[in-house]
Amino acid sequence: IYISHRLNEVFQIADRVVVLRDGHMISERDIQEVDRSTLVHDMVGRNVTETFPEHSRHPGEVVLRVENLSGNGIQGVSFDLRKGEILGLAGLVGSVSYGRPAEPLPGRRSGTPRSDDGRYK
């Protein structure tokens, strides 16, 4: 028994393929009798015409704008954060001081952060 979503491997090593979905057996076939699109259809329950379909995006209004942020080893960083977006900031452990919620951009030396009402909170 080999359980996988890696279809290339399934086609390389399997003699028979069984598709289970939502606790039910959907299909059971010899591997020579099935192609990739049929197997994917059995797995997801519909035809998949695009692996990564385009999604229409309607960005919300700007809720935070940062212009030319510099300090703590960064220089000239600018971005807009829009309503509905999630912003993640990452760095090396110990590279910034944590635990100061009133200062979301620790060590800021220069730059202009503005919220949707024009003020930095």
N, C-alpha and C. Protein backbone atom coordinates (compact mmCIF):
# COMPACT_ATOMS: atom_id res chain seq x y z
N ILE A 1 0.86 -1.18 0.00
CA ILE A 1 0.00 0.00 0.00
C ILE A 1 0.89 1.22 0.00
N TYR A 2 0.61 2.15 -0.90
CA TYR A 2 1.34 3.40 -1.00
C TYR A 2 0.30 4.52 -1.08
N ILE A 3 0.31 5.42 -0.10
CA ILE A 3 -0.67 6.51 -0.06
C ILE A 3 0.05 7.80 -0.41
N SER A 4 -0.43 8.49 -1.46
CA SER A 4 0.27 9.69 -1.90
C SER A 4 -0.60 10.55 -2.79
N HIS A 5 -0.28 11.85 -2.80
CA HIS A 5 -0.84 12.78 -3.78
C HIS A 5 0.19 13.07 -4.86
N ARG A 6 1.36 12.49 -4.75
CA ARG A 6 2.43 12.69 -5.74
C ARG A 6 2.19 11.74 -6.90
N LEU A 7 1.48 12.25 -7.88
CA LEU A 7 1.00 11.39 -8.95
C LEU A 7 2.12 10.81 -9.80
N ASN A 8 3.20 11.54 -10.00
CA ASN A 8 4.31 10.98 -10.77
C ASN A 8 4.82 9.69 -10.12
N GLU A 9 4.95 9.70 -8.81
CA GLU A 9 5.40 8.51 -8.09
C GLU A 9 4.38 7.39 -8.19
N VAL A 10 3.11 7.73 -8.09
CA VAL A 10 2.05 6.72 -8.19
C VAL A 10 2.13 6.01 -9.54
N PHE A 11 2.28 6.79 -10.61
CA PHE A 11 2.35 6.18 -11.95
C PHE A 11 3.63 5.36 -12.14
N GLN A 12 4.69 5.70 -11.41
CA GLN A 12 5.94 4.96 -11.54
C GLN A 12 5.90 3.62 -10.81
N ILE A 13 5.27 3.55 -9.65
CA ILE A 13 5.40 2.34 -8.83
C ILE A 13 4.14 1.49 -8.69
N ALA A 14 2.98 2.04 -9.04
CA ALA A 14 1.73 1.32 -8.78
C ALA A 14 1.33 0.40 -9.93
N ASP A 15 0.69 -0.70 -9.57
CA ASP A 15 0.04 -1.58 -10.53
C ASP A 15 -1.46 -1.27 -10.58
N ARG A 16 -2.00 -0.96 -9.42
CA ARG A 16 -3.42 -0.60 -9.30
C ARG A 16 -3.52 0.67 -8.49
N VAL A 17 -4.58 1.44 -8.72
CA VAL A 17 -4.79 2.67 -7.99
C VAL A 17 -6.23 2.71 -7.48
N VAL A 18 -6.36 3.07 -6.22
CA VAL A 18 -7.67 3.23 -5.57
C VAL A 18 -7.75 4.68 -5.09
N VAL A 19 -8.85 5.35 -5.42
CA VAL A 19 -9.05 6.72 -4.97
C VAL A 19 -10.13 6.73 -3.90
N LEU A 20 -9.76 7.27 -2.74
CA LEU A 20 -10.70 7.45 -1.64
C LEU A 20 -10.93 8.95 -1.47
N ARG A 21 -12.18 9.33 -1.27
CA ARG A 21 -12.50 10.74 -1.03
C ARG A 21 -13.65 10.81 -0.04
N ASP A 22 -13.48 11.61 0.99
CA ASP A 22 -14.50 11.79 2.02
C ASP A 22 -14.98 10.46 2.60
N GLY A 23 -14.06 9.53 2.79
CA GLY A 23 -14.39 8.24 3.40
C GLY A 23 -15.06 7.24 2.49
N HIS A 24 -15.12 7.53 1.20
CA HIS A 24 -15.75 6.62 0.24
C HIS A 24 -14.76 6.24 -0.85
N MET A 25 -14.86 4.98 -1.31
CA MET A 25 -14.04 4.56 -2.44
C MET A 25 -14.68 5.10 -3.71
N ILE A 26 -13.93 5.90 -4.45
CA ILE A 26 -14.44 6.54 -5.66
C ILE A 26 -14.14 5.70 -6.89
N SER A 27 -12.92 5.15 -6.95
CA SER A 27 -12.57 4.34 -8.11
C SER A 27 -11.46 3.37 -7.75
N GLU A 28 -11.37 2.31 -8.54
CA GLU A 28 -10.29 1.32 -8.43
C GLU A 28 -9.99 0.85 -9.84
N ARG A 29 -8.73 1.04 -10.27
CA ARG A 29 -8.37 0.72 -11.65
C ARG A 29 -6.95 0.20 -11.72
N ASP A 30 -6.66 -0.54 -12.81
CA ASP A 30 -5.27 -0.83 -13.14
C ASP A 30 -4.63 0.48 -13.58
N ILE A 31 -3.38 0.68 -13.22
CA ILE A 31 -2.71 1.95 -13.52
C ILE A 31 -2.62 2.20 -15.02
N GLN A 32 -2.54 1.12 -15.83
CA GLN A 32 -2.46 1.30 -17.28
C GLN A 32 -3.78 1.80 -17.87
N GLU A 33 -4.87 1.67 -17.12
CA GLU A 33 -6.18 2.05 -17.62
C GLU A 33 -6.58 3.49 -17.28
N VAL A 34 -5.72 4.21 -16.57
CA VAL A 34 -6.09 5.54 -16.10
C VAL A 34 -5.03 6.55 -16.53
N ASP A 35 -5.47 7.75 -16.88
CA ASP A 35 -4.52 8.84 -17.15
C ASP A 35 -4.58 9.84 -16.01
N ARG A 36 -3.67 10.77 -16.03
CA ARG A 36 -3.55 11.74 -14.94
C ARG A 36 -4.83 12.55 -14.72
N SER A 37 -5.44 13.05 -15.78
CA SER A 37 -6.62 13.90 -15.63
C SER A 37 -7.80 13.12 -15.04
N THR A 38 -7.95 11.85 -15.41
CA THR A 38 -9.01 11.03 -14.83
C THR A 38 -8.76 10.79 -13.35
N LEU A 39 -7.51 10.53 -13.00
CA LEU A 39 -7.17 10.30 -11.61
C LEU A 39 -7.41 11.56 -10.77
N VAL A 40 -7.02 12.71 -11.30
CA VAL A 40 -7.26 13.97 -10.60
C VAL A 40 -8.75 14.23 -10.46
N HIS A 41 -9.53 13.97 -11.50
CA HIS A 41 -10.98 14.12 -11.43
C HIS A 41 -11.56 13.26 -10.32
N ASP A 42 -11.12 12.02 -10.23
CA ASP A 42 -11.60 11.14 -9.17
C ASP A 42 -11.22 11.67 -7.79
N MET A 43 -10.05 12.25 -7.69
CA MET A 43 -9.57 12.75 -6.39
C MET A 43 -10.33 13.99 -5.92
N VAL A 44 -10.64 14.92 -6.83
CA VAL A 44 -11.25 16.18 -6.41
C VAL A 44 -12.74 16.27 -6.72
N GLY A 45 -13.25 15.36 -7.53
CA GLY A 45 -14.68 15.33 -7.81
C GLY A 45 -15.14 16.27 -8.90
N ARG A 46 -14.21 16.79 -9.68
CA ARG A 46 -14.56 17.68 -10.80
C ARG A 46 -13.39 17.71 -11.76
N ASN A 47 -13.64 18.22 -12.98
CA ASN A 47 -12.56 18.40 -13.94
C ASN A 47 -11.70 19.57 -13.50
N VAL A 48 -10.41 19.40 -13.55
CA VAL A 48 -9.47 20.46 -13.19
C VAL A 48 -8.79 20.89 -14.49
N THR A 49 -9.16 22.09 -14.95
CA THR A 49 -8.59 22.57 -16.21
C THR A 49 -7.34 23.39 -15.99
N GLU A 50 -7.20 24.00 -14.80
CA GLU A 50 -6.02 24.78 -14.48
C GLU A 50 -5.51 24.37 -13.11
N THR A 51 -4.21 24.15 -13.01
CA THR A 51 -3.64 23.78 -11.73
C THR A 51 -3.65 24.96 -10.78
N PHE A 52 -3.29 26.15 -11.27
CA PHE A 52 -3.31 27.36 -10.47
C PHE A 52 -4.15 28.40 -11.20
N PRO A 53 -5.49 28.33 -11.04
CA PRO A 53 -6.34 29.27 -11.79
C PRO A 53 -6.14 30.70 -11.32
N GLU A 54 -6.33 31.62 -12.25
CA GLU A 54 -6.26 33.05 -11.93
C GLU A 54 -7.46 33.41 -11.06
N HIS A 55 -7.21 34.20 -10.06
CA HIS A 55 -8.28 34.72 -9.22
C HIS A 55 -8.36 36.22 -9.45
N SER A 56 -9.58 36.72 -9.56
CA SER A 56 -9.69 38.17 -9.68
C SER A 56 -9.47 38.76 -8.29
N ARG A 57 -8.66 39.78 -8.25
CA ARG A 57 -8.32 40.41 -6.97
C ARG A 57 -8.82 41.85 -6.99
N HIS A 58 -9.47 42.21 -5.92
CA HIS A 58 -9.95 43.58 -5.78
C HIS A 58 -9.37 44.12 -4.48
N PRO A 59 -8.17 44.71 -4.57
CA PRO A 59 -7.53 45.19 -3.35
C PRO A 59 -8.37 46.26 -2.67
N GLY A 60 -8.40 46.21 -1.33
CA GLY A 60 -9.10 47.22 -0.55
C GLY A 60 -8.29 48.50 -0.47
N GLU A 61 -8.84 49.43 0.30
CA GLU A 61 -8.15 50.71 0.44
C GLU A 61 -6.89 50.54 1.30
N VAL A 62 -5.97 51.46 1.15
CA VAL A 62 -4.73 51.43 1.91
C VAL A 62 -5.05 51.75 3.36
N VAL A 63 -4.64 50.86 4.29
CA VAL A 63 -4.85 51.09 5.72
C VAL A 63 -3.54 51.42 6.44
N LEU A 64 -2.40 51.11 5.83
CA LEU A 64 -1.11 51.49 6.38
C LEU A 64 -0.15 51.71 5.23
N ARG A 65 0.48 52.87 5.23
CA ARG A 65 1.48 53.18 4.21
C ARG A 65 2.78 53.49 4.94
N VAL A 66 3.85 52.84 4.54
CA VAL A 66 5.17 53.10 5.10
C VAL A 66 6.05 53.59 3.96
N GLU A 67 6.68 54.73 4.17
CA GLU A 67 7.52 55.33 3.13
C GLU A 67 8.94 55.52 3.65
N ASN A 68 9.88 54.97 2.94
CA ASN A 68 11.30 55.18 3.17
C ASN A 68 11.74 54.83 4.59
N LEU A 69 11.27 53.70 5.10
CA LEU A 69 11.62 53.23 6.44
C LEU A 69 13.09 52.84 6.47
N SER A 70 13.82 53.34 7.48
CA SER A 70 15.23 53.03 7.62
C SER A 70 15.55 52.84 9.10
N GLY A 71 16.53 52.00 9.38
CA GLY A 71 16.98 51.74 10.74
C GLY A 71 17.12 50.26 10.97
N ASN A 72 17.91 49.87 11.98
CA ASN A 72 18.11 48.45 12.30
C ASN A 72 18.57 47.64 11.10
N GLY A 73 19.43 48.19 10.28
CA GLY A 73 19.98 47.44 9.16
C GLY A 73 19.14 47.43 7.91
N ILE A 74 18.01 48.14 7.90
CA ILE A 74 17.20 48.24 6.68
C ILE A 74 17.26 49.68 6.20
N GLN A 75 17.03 49.85 4.92
CA GLN A 75 17.14 51.19 4.36
C GLN A 75 16.16 51.36 3.22
N GLY A 76 15.37 52.41 3.27
CA GLY A 76 14.52 52.80 2.15
C GLY A 76 13.38 51.84 1.85
N VAL A 77 12.77 51.23 2.87
CA VAL A 77 11.68 50.28 2.65
C VAL A 77 10.35 51.04 2.60
N SER A 78 9.57 50.80 1.55
CA SER A 78 8.26 51.41 1.40
C SER A 78 7.26 50.34 1.01
N PHE A 79 6.04 50.44 1.55
CA PHE A 79 4.98 49.51 1.16
C PHE A 79 3.62 50.08 1.55
N ASP A 80 2.59 49.58 0.91
CA ASP A 80 1.20 49.86 1.26
C ASP A 80 0.57 48.56 1.73
N LEU A 81 -0.12 48.61 2.84
CA LEU A 81 -0.90 47.47 3.33
C LEU A 81 -2.35 47.81 3.12
N ARG A 82 -3.05 46.94 2.39
CA ARG A 82 -4.44 47.21 2.03
C ARG A 82 -5.40 46.39 2.89
N LYS A 83 -6.60 46.88 3.03
CA LYS A 83 -7.64 46.19 3.80
C LYS A 83 -7.80 44.77 3.24
N GLY A 84 -7.79 43.79 4.14
CA GLY A 84 -7.94 42.39 3.74
C GLY A 84 -6.62 41.68 3.53
N GLU A 85 -5.51 42.40 3.49
CA GLU A 85 -4.20 41.78 3.33
C GLU A 85 -3.60 41.46 4.69
N ILE A 86 -2.68 40.53 4.69
CA ILE A 86 -1.95 40.16 5.89
C ILE A 86 -0.48 40.45 5.63
N LEU A 87 0.14 41.17 6.54
CA LEU A 87 1.54 41.52 6.40
C LEU A 87 2.34 40.73 7.43
N GLY A 88 3.38 40.07 6.98
CA GLY A 88 4.28 39.36 7.88
C GLY A 88 5.67 39.94 7.79
N LEU A 89 6.27 40.23 8.92
CA LEU A 89 7.64 40.71 8.97
C LEU A 89 8.47 39.65 9.66
N ALA A 90 9.63 39.35 9.11
CA ALA A 90 10.46 38.29 9.67
C ALA A 90 11.91 38.77 9.72
N GLY A 91 12.65 38.16 10.61
CA GLY A 91 14.06 38.48 10.72
C GLY A 91 14.75 37.40 11.54
N LEU A 92 16.02 37.57 11.72
CA LEU A 92 16.78 36.62 12.51
C LEU A 92 16.41 36.75 13.98
N VAL A 93 16.41 35.63 14.70
CA VAL A 93 16.11 35.66 16.12
C VAL A 93 17.10 36.58 16.82
N GLY A 94 16.55 37.50 17.63
CA GLY A 94 17.40 38.42 18.37
C GLY A 94 17.78 39.66 17.61
N SER A 95 17.31 39.81 16.36
CA SER A 95 17.71 40.97 15.57
C SER A 95 16.90 42.21 15.89
N VAL A 96 15.75 42.05 16.55
CA VAL A 96 14.94 43.20 16.98
C VAL A 96 14.44 42.92 18.39
N SER A 97 14.04 43.98 19.08
CA SER A 97 13.48 43.80 20.42
C SER A 97 11.99 43.56 20.29
N TYR A 98 11.51 42.52 20.97
CA TYR A 98 10.10 42.16 20.92
C TYR A 98 9.41 42.62 22.19
N GLY A 99 8.09 42.53 22.21
CA GLY A 99 7.35 42.82 23.41
C GLY A 99 6.97 44.27 23.58
N ARG A 100 7.05 45.06 22.53
CA ARG A 100 6.66 46.46 22.62
C ARG A 100 5.55 46.73 21.60
N PRO A 101 4.30 46.37 21.96
CA PRO A 101 3.21 46.50 20.99
C PRO A 101 2.97 47.94 20.54
N ALA A 102 3.39 48.93 21.33
CA ALA A 102 3.21 50.32 20.92
C ALA A 102 4.20 50.72 19.85
N GLU A 103 5.18 49.87 19.59
CA GLU A 103 6.19 50.19 18.58
C GLU A 103 6.27 49.03 17.59
N PRO A 104 5.32 48.97 16.63
CA PRO A 104 5.30 47.83 15.71
C PRO A 104 6.49 47.78 14.76
N LEU A 105 7.21 48.87 14.63
CA LEU A 105 8.39 48.89 13.77
C LEU A 105 9.59 49.24 14.66
N PRO A 106 10.07 48.25 15.47
CA PRO A 106 11.12 48.54 16.44
C PRO A 106 12.36 49.13 15.79
N GLY A 107 12.94 50.09 16.47
CA GLY A 107 14.20 50.67 16.00
C GLY A 107 14.04 51.62 14.84
N ARG A 108 12.81 52.02 14.54
CA ARG A 108 12.60 52.93 13.41
C ARG A 108 13.39 54.21 13.66
N ARG A 109 14.24 54.56 12.75
CA ARG A 109 15.06 55.76 12.86
C ARG A 109 14.53 56.87 11.95
N SER A 110 14.05 56.49 10.79
CA SER A 110 13.49 57.48 9.89
C SER A 110 12.48 56.80 8.99
N GLY A 111 11.60 57.58 8.42
CA GLY A 111 10.56 57.04 7.56
C GLY A 111 9.22 57.60 7.98
N THR A 112 8.19 57.33 7.19
CA THR A 112 6.87 57.88 7.46
C THR A 112 5.80 56.79 7.42
N PRO A 113 5.42 56.24 8.57
CA PRO A 113 4.28 55.33 8.59
C PRO A 113 2.99 56.12 8.76
N ARG A 114 1.95 55.77 8.01
CA ARG A 114 0.66 56.45 8.13
C ARG A 114 -0.43 55.39 8.11
N SER A 115 -1.42 55.52 8.98
CA SER A 115 -2.56 54.62 8.96
C SER A 115 -3.64 55.20 8.06
N ASP A 116 -4.78 54.50 7.95
CA ASP A 116 -5.84 54.95 7.05
C ASP A 116 -6.40 56.33 7.40
N ASP A 117 -6.25 56.75 8.67
CA ASP A 117 -6.71 58.07 9.03
C ASP A 117 -5.58 59.11 9.01
N GLY A 118 -4.41 58.71 8.47
CA GLY A 118 -3.31 59.64 8.30
C GLY A 118 -2.37 59.74 9.48
N ARG A 119 -2.67 59.03 10.57
CA ARG A 119 -1.82 59.12 11.75
C ARG A 119 -1.18 57.77 12.05
N TYR A 120 0.00 57.79 12.58
CA TYR A 120 0.69 56.60 13.03
C TYR A 120 0.20 56.28 14.42
N LYS A 121 -0.25 55.06 14.64
CA LYS A 121 -0.81 54.66 15.94
C LYS A 121 0.19 53.82 16.68
